[in-house]
Each structure stands twice: as structure tokens, then as C-alpha cells.
Amino acid sequence: MVYDFCKKCGEKRNLKSGLCEDCQSVKDAERMSHIYGVRERQTKEDIEKEVAEKKHDKRFWWGTKDK
């Protein structure tokens, strides 16, 4: 890490690859959103429904049996 001016915001801070920690985290978040896509907000009922479906999927729970 180098103590110098950030390439993006211009503040003098400890730099990692030319960007300060704040600018680097923003850059990483933008990169990850392109890779994984933007997640939609889900309601609690949708999440519970998805978990219930996974519980019945034998590939997900390969070591357990339905009771």
C-alpha cells in the first residue's frame, strides 16, 4: 500500500492499485453486479417458499430422507 493521491477522488490516502479503499470498494461492487446481476428484493413469503422447495430437492439434501 502506498500513501498517495487517489486516481478517482483525488484524496490523499493509503492506496491499493491506485485507488483509495472507498473507491476500490465501489469499483468492486460495480464489477460484481455485472457478474452476478442485480438481485431483486424478495418478500419473506417468497424466501420461505424457495427454502421449502429446496428442502424437497434431493440433490440439495442428498444425505437426508423425507419424514
PDB file of N, CA and C in Angstrom:
ATOM      1  N   MET A   1       0.838  -1.172   0.000  1.00  0.00           N
ATOM      2  CA  MET A   1       0.000   0.000   0.000  1.00  0.00           C
ATOM      3  C   MET A   1       0.886   1.239   0.000  1.00  0.00           C
ATOM      4  N   VAL A   2       0.435   2.217  -0.725  1.00  0.00           N
ATOM      5  CA  VAL A   2       1.199   3.440  -0.902  1.00  0.00           C
ATOM      6  C   VAL A   2       0.346   4.611  -0.442  1.00  0.00           C
ATOM      7  N   TYR A   3       0.955   5.548   0.256  1.00  0.00           N
ATOM      8  CA  TYR A   3       0.253   6.747   0.693  1.00  0.00           C
ATOM      9  C   TYR A   3       0.426   7.802  -0.389  1.00  0.00           C
ATOM     10  N   ASP A   4      -0.655   8.045  -1.169  1.00  0.00           N
ATOM     11  CA  ASP A   4      -0.587   8.983  -2.284  1.00  0.00           C
ATOM     12  C   ASP A   4      -2.003   9.449  -2.605  1.00  0.00           C
ATOM     13  N   PHE A   5      -2.158  10.191  -3.703  1.00  0.00           N
ATOM     14  CA  PHE A   5      -3.463  10.696  -4.114  1.00  0.00           C
ATOM     15  C   PHE A   5      -4.215   9.628  -4.906  1.00  0.00           C
ATOM     16  N   CYS A   6      -5.503   9.494  -4.606  1.00  0.00           N
ATOM     17  CA  CYS A   6      -6.362   8.536  -5.296  1.00  0.00           C
ATOM     18  C   CYS A   6      -6.594   9.009  -6.733  1.00  0.00           C
ATOM     19  N   LYS A   7      -6.602   8.079  -7.675  1.00  0.00           N
ATOM     20  CA  LYS A   7      -6.823   8.420  -9.079  1.00  0.00           C
ATOM     21  C   LYS A   7      -8.258   8.862  -9.345  1.00  0.00           C
ATOM     22  N   LYS A   8      -9.208   8.377  -8.542  1.00  0.00           N
ATOM     23  CA  LYS A   8     -10.619   8.658  -8.802  1.00  0.00           C
ATOM     24  C   LYS A   8     -11.124   9.876  -8.041  1.00  0.00           C
ATOM     25  N   CYS A   9     -10.906   9.920  -6.726  1.00  0.00           N
ATOM     26  CA  CYS A   9     -11.465  11.015  -5.925  1.00  0.00           C
ATOM     27  C   CYS A   9     -10.449  12.113  -5.632  1.00  0.00           C
ATOM     28  N   GLY A  10      -9.166  11.827  -5.749  1.00  0.00           N
ATOM     29  CA  GLY A  10      -8.138  12.843  -5.560  1.00  0.00           C
ATOM     30  C   GLY A  10      -7.713  13.073  -4.123  1.00  0.00           C
ATOM     31  N   GLU A  11      -8.259  12.314  -3.166  1.00  0.00           N
ATOM     32  CA  GLU A  11      -7.864  12.478  -1.769  1.00  0.00           C
ATOM     33  C   GLU A  11      -6.554  11.745  -1.511  1.00  0.00           C
ATOM     34  N   LYS A  12      -5.783  12.260  -0.568  1.00  0.00           N
ATOM     35  CA  LYS A  12      -4.507  11.631  -0.235  1.00  0.00           C
ATOM     36  C   LYS A  12      -4.753  10.593   0.857  1.00  0.00           C
ATOM     37  N   ARG A  13      -4.602   9.323   0.499  1.00  0.00           N
ATOM     38  CA  ARG A  13      -4.856   8.210   1.410  1.00  0.00           C
ATOM     39  C   ARG A  13      -3.930   7.057   1.076  1.00  0.00           C
ATOM     40  N   ASN A  14      -4.046   6.005   1.866  1.00  0.00           N
ATOM     41  CA  ASN A  14      -3.352   4.757   1.525  1.00  0.00           C
ATOM     42  C   ASN A  14      -4.039   4.161   0.304  1.00  0.00           C
ATOM     43  N   LEU A  15      -3.263   3.850  -0.704  1.00  0.00           N
ATOM     44  CA  LEU A  15      -3.839   3.374  -1.954  1.00  0.00           C
ATOM     45  C   LEU A  15      -3.573   1.896  -2.168  1.00  0.00           C
ATOM     46  N   LYS A  16      -4.507   1.275  -2.835  1.00  0.00           N
ATOM     47  CA  LYS A  16      -4.382  -0.115  -3.257  1.00  0.00           C
ATOM     48  C   LYS A  16      -4.702  -0.115  -4.746  1.00  0.00           C
ATOM     49  N   SER A  17      -3.726  -0.378  -5.565  1.00  0.00           N
ATOM     50  CA  SER A  17      -3.841  -0.352  -7.030  1.00  0.00           C
ATOM     51  C   SER A  17      -4.290   1.016  -7.546  1.00  0.00           C
ATOM     52  N   GLY A  18      -3.819   2.071  -6.924  1.00  0.00           N
ATOM     53  CA  GLY A  18      -4.089   3.420  -7.408  1.00  0.00           C
ATOM     54  C   GLY A  18      -5.376   4.038  -6.907  1.00  0.00           C
ATOM     55  N   LEU A  19      -6.215   3.275  -6.202  1.00  0.00           N
ATOM     56  CA  LEU A  19      -7.479   3.787  -5.692  1.00  0.00           C
ATOM     57  C   LEU A  19      -7.515   3.666  -4.175  1.00  0.00           C
ATOM     58  N   CYS A  20      -8.213   4.615  -3.531  1.00  0.00           N
ATOM     59  CA  CYS A  20      -8.369   4.526  -2.079  1.00  0.00           C
ATOM     60  C   CYS A  20      -9.351   3.391  -1.756  1.00  0.00           C
ATOM     61  N   GLU A  21      -9.469   3.072  -0.499  1.00  0.00           N
ATOM     62  CA  GLU A  21     -10.300   1.941  -0.084  1.00  0.00           C
ATOM     63  C   GLU A  21     -11.765   2.141  -0.469  1.00  0.00           C
ATOM     64  N   ASP A  22     -12.281   3.370  -0.317  1.00  0.00           N
ATOM     65  CA  ASP A  22     -13.678   3.647  -0.654  1.00  0.00           C
ATOM     66  C   ASP A  22     -13.936   3.475  -2.149  1.00  0.00           C
ATOM     67  N   CYS A  23     -13.074   4.057  -2.974  1.00  0.00           N
ATOM     68  CA  CYS A  23     -13.240   3.954  -4.429  1.00  0.00           C
ATOM     69  C   CYS A  23     -13.062   2.518  -4.899  1.00  0.00           C
ATOM     70  N   GLN A  24     -12.156   1.788  -4.274  1.00  0.00           N
ATOM     71  CA  GLN A  24     -11.928   0.388  -4.641  1.00  0.00           C
ATOM     72  C   GLN A  24     -13.156  -0.456  -4.316  1.00  0.00           C
ATOM     73  N   SER A  25     -13.805  -0.213  -3.167  1.00  0.00           N
ATOM     74  CA  SER A  25     -14.987  -0.989  -2.808  1.00  0.00           C
ATOM     75  C   SER A  25     -16.147  -0.688  -3.752  1.00  0.00           C
ATOM     76  N   VAL A  26     -16.283   0.579  -4.188  1.00  0.00           N
ATOM     77  CA  VAL A  26     -17.324   0.931  -5.155  1.00  0.00           C
ATOM     78  C   VAL A  26     -17.054   0.233  -6.486  1.00  0.00           C
ATOM     79  N   LYS A  27     -15.811   0.227  -6.908  1.00  0.00           N
ATOM     80  CA  LYS A  27     -15.429  -0.429  -8.164  1.00  0.00           C
ATOM     81  C   LYS A  27     -15.705  -1.930  -8.094  1.00  0.00           C
ATOM     82  N   ASP A  28     -15.369  -2.561  -6.963  1.00  0.00           N
ATOM     83  CA  ASP A  28     -15.617  -3.991  -6.792  1.00  0.00           C
ATOM     84  C   ASP A  28     -17.112  -4.299  -6.813  1.00  0.00           C
ATOM     85  N   ALA A  29     -17.928  -3.441  -6.170  1.00  0.00           N
ATOM     86  CA  ALA A  29     -19.377  -3.652  -6.145  1.00  0.00           C
ATOM     87  C   ALA A  29     -19.966  -3.546  -7.547  1.00  0.00           C
ATOM     88  N   GLU A  30     -19.493  -2.594  -8.341  1.00  0.00           N
ATOM     89  CA  GLU A  30     -19.974  -2.458  -9.714  1.00  0.00           C
ATOM     90  C   GLU A  30     -19.588  -3.678 -10.542  1.00  0.00           C
ATOM     91  N   ARG A  31     -18.375  -4.159 -10.349  1.00  0.00           N
ATOM     92  CA  ARG A  31     -17.906  -5.324 -11.103  1.00  0.00           C
ATOM     93  C   ARG A  31     -18.717  -6.565 -10.731  1.00  0.00           C
ATOM     94  N   MET A  32     -18.988  -6.746  -9.456  1.00  0.00           N
ATOM     95  CA  MET A  32     -19.737  -7.915  -9.009  1.00  0.00           C
ATOM     96  C   MET A  32     -21.191  -7.857  -9.474  1.00  0.00           C
ATOM     97  N   SER A  33     -21.785  -6.656  -9.563  1.00  0.00           N
ATOM     98  CA  SER A  33     -23.167  -6.562 -10.024  1.00  0.00           C
ATOM     99  C   SER A  33     -23.273  -6.953 -11.491  1.00  0.00           C
ATOM    100  N   HIS A  34     -22.216  -6.725 -12.280  1.00  0.00           N
ATOM    101  CA  HIS A  34     -22.232  -7.138 -13.681  1.00  0.00           C
ATOM    102  C   HIS A  34     -22.083  -8.649 -13.797  1.00  0.00           C
ATOM    103  N   ILE A  35     -21.335  -9.250 -12.895  1.00  0.00           N
ATOM    104  CA  ILE A  35     -21.109 -10.695 -12.947  1.00  0.00           C
ATOM    105  C   ILE A  35     -22.348 -11.452 -12.468  1.00  0.00           C
ATOM    106  N   TYR A  36     -22.868 -11.077 -11.307  1.00  0.00           N
ATOM    107  CA  TYR A  36     -23.974 -11.814 -10.706  1.00  0.00           C
ATOM    108  C   TYR A  36     -25.337 -11.240 -11.031  1.00  0.00           C
ATOM    109  N   GLY A  37     -25.392 -10.039 -11.544  1.00  0.00           N
ATOM    110  CA  GLY A  37     -26.666  -9.391 -11.803  1.00  0.00           C
ATOM    111  C   GLY A  37     -27.182  -8.733 -10.536  1.00  0.00           C
ATOM    112  N   VAL A  38     -28.136  -7.862 -10.698  1.00  0.00           N
ATOM    113  CA  VAL A  38     -28.700  -7.151  -9.560  1.00  0.00           C
ATOM    114  C   VAL A  38     -29.806  -8.017  -8.968  1.00  0.00           C
ATOM    115  N   ARG A  39     -29.722  -8.254  -7.671  1.00  0.00           N
ATOM    116  CA  ARG A  39     -30.722  -9.083  -7.007  1.00  0.00           C
ATOM    117  C   ARG A  39     -31.999  -8.295  -6.792  1.00  0.00           C
ATOM    118  N   GLU A  40     -33.120  -8.971  -7.012  1.00  0.00           N
ATOM    119  CA  GLU A  40     -34.411  -8.345  -6.763  1.00  0.00           C
ATOM    120  C   GLU A  40     -34.757  -8.485  -5.285  1.00  0.00           C
ATOM    121  N   ARG A  41     -35.507  -7.526  -4.773  1.00  0.00           N
ATOM    122  CA  ARG A  41     -35.975  -7.617  -3.395  1.00  0.00           C
ATOM    123  C   ARG A  41     -37.035  -8.705  -3.328  1.00  0.00           C
ATOM    124  N   GLN A  42     -36.933  -9.570  -2.331  1.00  0.00           N
ATOM    125  CA  GLN A  42     -37.893 -10.649  -2.167  1.00  0.00           C
ATOM    126  C   GLN A  42     -38.644 -10.464  -0.858  1.00  0.00           C
ATOM    127  N   THR A  43     -39.915 -10.868  -0.875  1.00  0.00           N
ATOM    128  CA  THR A  43     -40.692 -10.819   0.353  1.00  0.00           C
ATOM    129  C   THR A  43     -40.351 -12.040   1.201  1.00  0.00           C
ATOM    130  N   LYS A  44     -40.732 -11.976   2.454  1.00  0.00           N
ATOM    131  CA  LYS A  44     -40.446 -13.079   3.368  1.00  0.00           C
ATOM    132  C   LYS A  44     -41.136 -14.363   2.903  1.00  0.00           C
ATOM    133  N   GLU A  45     -42.345 -14.240   2.355  1.00  0.00           N
ATOM    134  CA  GLU A  45     -43.082 -15.408   1.884  1.00  0.00           C
ATOM    135  C   GLU A  45     -42.365 -16.076   0.709  1.00  0.00           C
ATOM    136  N   ASP A  46     -41.814 -15.262  -0.206  1.00  0.00           N
ATOM    137  CA  ASP A  46     -41.084 -15.817  -1.350  1.00  0.00           C
ATOM    138  C   ASP A  46     -39.844 -16.577  -0.893  1.00  0.00           C
ATOM    139  N   ILE A  47     -39.143 -16.037   0.091  1.00  0.00           N
ATOM    140  CA  ILE A  47     -37.940 -16.690   0.605  1.00  0.00           C
ATOM    141  C   ILE A  47     -38.301 -18.008   1.282  1.00  0.00           C
ATOM    142  N   GLU A  48     -39.369 -18.001   2.097  1.00  0.00           N
ATOM    143  CA  GLU A  48     -39.802 -19.230   2.766  1.00  0.00           C
ATOM    144  C   GLU A  48     -40.238 -20.283   1.752  1.00  0.00           C
ATOM    145  N   LYS A  49     -40.899 -19.855   0.672  1.00  0.00           N
ATOM    146  CA  LYS A  49     -41.326 -20.774  -0.384  1.00  0.00           C
ATOM    147  C   LYS A  49     -40.110 -21.392  -1.082  1.00  0.00           C
ATOM    148  N   GLU A  50     -39.100 -20.585  -1.355  1.00  0.00           N
ATOM    149  CA  GLU A  50     -37.882 -21.077  -2.002  1.00  0.00           C
ATOM    150  C   GLU A  50     -37.151 -22.081  -1.115  1.00  0.00           C
ATOM    151  N   VAL A  51     -37.090 -21.800   0.192  1.00  0.00           N
ATOM    152  CA  VAL A  51     -36.439 -22.716   1.131  1.00  0.00           C
ATOM    153  C   VAL A  51     -37.210 -24.033   1.206  1.00  0.00           C
ATOM    154  N   ALA A  52     -38.550 -23.955   1.204  1.00  0.00           N
ATOM    155  CA  ALA A  52     -39.361 -25.171   1.245  1.00  0.00           C
ATOM    156  C   ALA A  52     -39.135 -26.019   0.001  1.00  0.00           C
ATOM    157  N   GLU A  53     -38.987 -25.374  -1.168  1.00  0.00           N
ATOM    158  CA  GLU A  53     -38.715 -26.119  -2.400  1.00  0.00           C
ATOM    159  C   GLU A  53     -37.349 -26.795  -2.335  1.00  0.00           C
ATOM    160  N   LYS A  54     -36.360 -26.122  -1.777  1.00  0.00           N
ATOM    161  CA  LYS A  54     -35.018 -26.695  -1.683  1.00  0.00           C
ATOM    162  C   LYS A  54     -34.985 -27.871  -0.717  1.00  0.00           C
ATOM    163  N   LYS A  55     -35.822 -27.830   0.316  1.00  0.00           N
ATOM    164  CA  LYS A  55     -35.850 -28.931   1.274  1.00  0.00           C
ATOM    165  C   LYS A  55     -36.336 -30.219   0.623  1.00  0.00           C
ATOM    166  N   HIS A  56     -37.197 -30.100  -0.386  1.00  0.00           N
ATOM    167  CA  HIS A  56     -37.719 -31.287  -1.058  1.00  0.00           C
ATOM    168  C   HIS A  56     -36.858 -31.712  -2.240  1.00  0.00           C
ATOM    169  N   ASP A  57     -35.866 -30.914  -2.583  1.00  0.00           N
ATOM    170  CA  ASP A  57     -34.964 -31.253  -3.683  1.00  0.00           C
ATOM    171  C   ASP A  57     -33.911 -32.232  -3.162  1.00  0.00           C
ATOM    172  N   LYS A  58     -33.883 -33.434  -3.687  1.00  0.00           N
ATOM    173  CA  LYS A  58     -32.971 -34.467  -3.185  1.00  0.00           C
ATOM    174  C   LYS A  58     -31.520 -34.150  -3.488  1.00  0.00           C
ATOM    175  N   ARG A  59     -31.256 -33.369  -4.535  1.00  0.00           N
ATOM    176  CA  ARG A  59     -29.876 -33.001  -4.832  1.00  0.00           C
ATOM    177  C   ARG A  59     -29.353 -32.015  -3.789  1.00  0.00           C
ATOM    178  N   PHE A  60     -30.245 -31.211  -3.212  1.00  0.00           N
ATOM    179  CA  PHE A  60     -29.837 -30.243  -2.199  1.00  0.00           C
ATOM    180  C   PHE A  60     -29.616 -30.927  -0.857  1.00  0.00           C
ATOM    181  N   TRP A  61     -30.516 -31.807  -0.478  1.00  0.00           N
ATOM    182  CA  TRP A  61     -30.428 -32.534   0.795  1.00  0.00           C
ATOM    183  C   TRP A  61     -30.101 -33.988   0.501  1.00  0.00           C
ATOM    184  N   TRP A  62     -28.992 -34.260  -0.123  1.00  0.00           N
ATOM    185  CA  TRP A  62     -28.659 -35.604  -0.570  1.00  0.00           C
ATOM    186  C   TRP A  62     -28.438 -36.583   0.572  1.00  0.00           C
ATOM    187  N   GLY A  63     -28.163 -36.117   1.776  1.00  0.00           N
ATOM    188  CA  GLY A  63     -27.865 -37.033   2.867  1.00  0.00           C
ATOM    189  C   GLY A  63     -29.023 -37.286   3.799  1.00  0.00           C
ATOM    190  N   THR A  64     -30.196 -36.699   3.540  1.00  0.00           N
ATOM    191  CA  THR A  64     -31.323 -36.861   4.454  1.00  0.00           C
ATOM    192  C   THR A  64     -32.490 -37.511   3.730  1.00  0.00           C
ATOM    193  N   LYS A  65     -33.432 -38.029   4.491  1.00  0.00           N
ATOM    194  CA  LYS A  65     -34.636 -38.643   3.930  1.00  0.00           C
ATOM    195  C   LYS A  65     -35.848 -37.827   4.346  1.00  0.00           C
ATOM    196  N   ASP A  66     -36.894 -37.845   3.498  1.00  0.00           N
ATOM    197  CA  ASP A  66     -38.144 -37.170   3.855  1.00  0.00           C
ATOM    198  C   ASP A  66     -38.832 -37.951   4.959  1.00  0.00           C
ATOM    199  N   LYS A  67     -39.373 -37.241   5.923  1.00  0.00           N
ATOM    200  CA  LYS A  67     -40.064 -37.903   7.033  1.00  0.00           C
ATOM    201  C   LYS A  67     -41.536 -37.673   6.920  1.00  0.00           C
TER     202      LYS A  67
END
